[in-house]
Amino acid sequence: MNWQQFLGIAVSILIPAVTGMLLWVWALWQSHHALKLKVAEEYPKAQALDEIKKDVRELRDVVYRIALKMEVPVFTEPYHR
């Protein structure tokens, strides 16, 4: 096998490999942007965040009530009766 045959084989293998890598990176880039768009569309709206905050406050009040019944000191804001 001489040098020109080896170079021909290497080029015939490398060109499709490089093309495939470029296509793969392009597809990955597109899917990344599609995911960013989906996350932005499904990001919790202000009303949903307010509901989550309300639920967290209610859970915090339950924990404070349990702490009061168990006579455990609470060093953050106390439960309001």
C-alpha atoms as a PDB file:
ATOM      1  CA  MET A   1       0.000   0.000   0.000  1.00  0.00           C
ATOM      2  CA  ASN A   2       1.584   3.262  -1.017  1.00  0.00           C
ATOM      3  CA  TRP A   3       1.144   6.715   0.442  1.00  0.00           C
ATOM      4  CA  GLN A   4      -1.523   7.867  -2.052  1.00  0.00           C
ATOM      5  CA  GLN A   5      -3.745   4.857  -1.417  1.00  0.00           C
ATOM      6  CA  PHE A   6      -3.488   5.370   2.343  1.00  0.00           C
ATOM      7  CA  LEU A   7      -4.328   9.062   1.937  1.00  0.00           C
ATOM      8  CA  GLY A   8      -7.324   8.203  -0.257  1.00  0.00           C
ATOM      9  CA  ILE A   9      -8.672   5.747   2.314  1.00  0.00           C
ATOM     10  CA  ALA A  10      -8.093   8.185   5.182  1.00  0.00           C
ATOM     11  CA  VAL A  11      -9.886  11.000   3.334  1.00  0.00           C
ATOM     12  CA  SER A  12     -12.790   8.733   2.380  1.00  0.00           C
ATOM     13  CA  ILE A  13     -13.215   7.855   6.076  1.00  0.00           C
ATOM     14  CA  LEU A  14     -12.543  11.283   7.608  1.00  0.00           C
ATOM     15  CA  ILE A  15     -14.870  13.342   5.401  1.00  0.00           C
ATOM     16  CA  PRO A  16     -18.047  11.407   6.389  1.00  0.00           C
ATOM     17  CA  ALA A  17     -16.867  11.289  10.019  1.00  0.00           C
ATOM     18  CA  VAL A  18     -16.353  15.060  10.198  1.00  0.00           C
ATOM     19  CA  THR A  19     -19.648  15.661   8.385  1.00  0.00           C
ATOM     20  CA  GLY A  20     -21.428  13.366  10.835  1.00  0.00           C
ATOM     21  CA  MET A  21     -19.870  15.130  13.810  1.00  0.00           C
ATOM     22  CA  LEU A  22     -20.959  18.527  12.465  1.00  0.00           C
ATOM     23  CA  LEU A  23     -24.497  17.276  11.886  1.00  0.00           C
ATOM     24  CA  TRP A  24     -24.584  15.775  15.377  1.00  0.00           C
ATOM     25  CA  VAL A  25     -23.436  19.058  16.976  1.00  0.00           C
ATOM     26  CA  TRP A  26     -26.022  20.962  14.938  1.00  0.00           C
ATOM     27  CA  ALA A  27     -28.812  18.594  16.050  1.00  0.00           C
ATOM     28  CA  LEU A  28     -27.633  18.846  19.652  1.00  0.00           C
ATOM     29  CA  TRP A  29     -27.672  22.646  19.416  1.00  0.00           C
ATOM     30  CA  GLN A  30     -31.229  22.604  18.047  1.00  0.00           C
ATOM     31  CA  SER A  31     -32.481  20.258  20.757  1.00  0.00           C
ATOM     32  CA  HIS A  32     -30.818  22.427  23.408  1.00  0.00           C
ATOM     33  CA  HIS A  33     -32.684  25.499  22.182  1.00  0.00           C
ATOM     34  CA  ALA A  34     -35.925  23.542  21.923  1.00  0.00           C
ATOM     35  CA  LEU A  35     -35.510  22.503  25.561  1.00  0.00           C
ATOM     36  CA  LYS A  36     -34.817  26.098  26.612  1.00  0.00           C
ATOM     37  CA  LEU A  37     -38.009  27.194  24.857  1.00  0.00           C
ATOM     38  CA  LYS A  38     -40.052  24.423  26.489  1.00  0.00           C
ATOM     39  CA  VAL A  39     -38.739  25.315  29.950  1.00  0.00           C
ATOM     40  CA  ALA A  40     -39.496  28.996  29.365  1.00  0.00           C
ATOM     41  CA  GLU A  41     -43.052  28.175  28.273  1.00  0.00           C
ATOM     42  CA  GLU A  42     -43.737  25.849  31.191  1.00  0.00           C
ATOM     43  CA  TYR A  43     -42.005  27.949  33.857  1.00  0.00           C
ATOM     44  CA  PRO A  44     -44.365  28.501  36.780  1.00  0.00           C
ATOM     45  CA  LYS A  45     -46.425  31.634  36.389  1.00  0.00           C
ATOM     46  CA  ALA A  46     -46.819  34.209  39.185  1.00  0.00           C
ATOM     47  CA  GLN A  47     -50.139  32.710  40.332  1.00  0.00           C
ATOM     48  CA  ALA A  48     -48.641  29.227  40.573  1.00  0.00           C
ATOM     49  CA  LEU A  49     -45.712  30.601  42.577  1.00  0.00           C
ATOM     50  CA  ASP A  50     -48.124  32.339  44.955  1.00  0.00           C
ATOM     51  CA  GLU A  51     -49.923  29.022  45.506  1.00  0.00           C
ATOM     52  CA  ILE A  52     -46.620  27.284  46.220  1.00  0.00           C
ATOM     53  CA  LYS A  53     -45.645  30.017  48.698  1.00  0.00           C
ATOM     54  CA  LYS A  54     -49.018  29.676  50.421  1.00  0.00           C
ATOM     55  CA  ASP A  55     -48.543  25.910  50.739  1.00  0.00           C
ATOM     56  CA  VAL A  56     -45.059  26.392  52.196  1.00  0.00           C
ATOM     57  CA  ARG A  57     -46.399  28.897  54.743  1.00  0.00           C
ATOM     58  CA  GLU A  58     -49.125  26.438  55.773  1.00  0.00           C
ATOM     59  CA  LEU A  59     -46.570  23.647  56.192  1.00  0.00           C
ATOM     60  CA  ARG A  60     -44.324  25.951  58.212  1.00  0.00           C
ATOM     61  CA  ASP A  61     -47.247  26.775  60.524  1.00  0.00           C
ATOM     62  CA  VAL A  62     -47.900  23.046  61.021  1.00  0.00           C
ATOM     63  CA  VAL A  63     -44.251  22.512  61.952  1.00  0.00           C
ATOM     64  CA  TYR A  64     -44.417  25.427  64.409  1.00  0.00           C
ATOM     65  CA  ARG A  65     -47.550  23.968  66.029  1.00  0.00           C
ATOM     66  CA  ILE A  66     -45.848  20.599  66.388  1.00  0.00           C
ATOM     67  CA  ALA A  67     -42.788  22.297  67.900  1.00  0.00           C
ATOM     68  CA  LEU A  68     -44.974  24.182  70.392  1.00  0.00           C
ATOM     69  CA  LYS A  69     -46.753  20.980  71.473  1.00  0.00           C
ATOM     70  CA  MET A  70     -43.423  19.216  71.901  1.00  0.00           C
ATOM     71  CA  GLU A  71     -42.053  22.254  73.750  1.00  0.00           C
ATOM     72  CA  VAL A  72     -39.186  22.598  71.311  1.00  0.00           C
ATOM     73  CA  PRO A  73     -37.813  26.129  71.061  1.00  0.00           C
ATOM     74  CA  VAL A  74     -38.199  27.717  67.658  1.00  0.00           C
ATOM     75  CA  PHE A  75     -35.665  30.425  66.868  1.00  0.00           C
ATOM     76  CA  THR A  76     -37.301  31.772  63.725  1.00  0.00           C
ATOM     77  CA  GLU A  77     -40.539  33.677  63.485  1.00  0.00           C
ATOM     78  CA  PRO A  78     -43.085  32.039  65.811  1.00  0.00           C
ATOM     79  CA  TYR A  79     -46.412  30.511  64.877  1.00  0.00           C
ATOM     80  CA  HIS A  80     -49.186  33.132  64.999  1.00  0.00           C
ATOM     81  CA  ARG A  81     -52.347  31.924  66.758  1.00  0.00           C
END
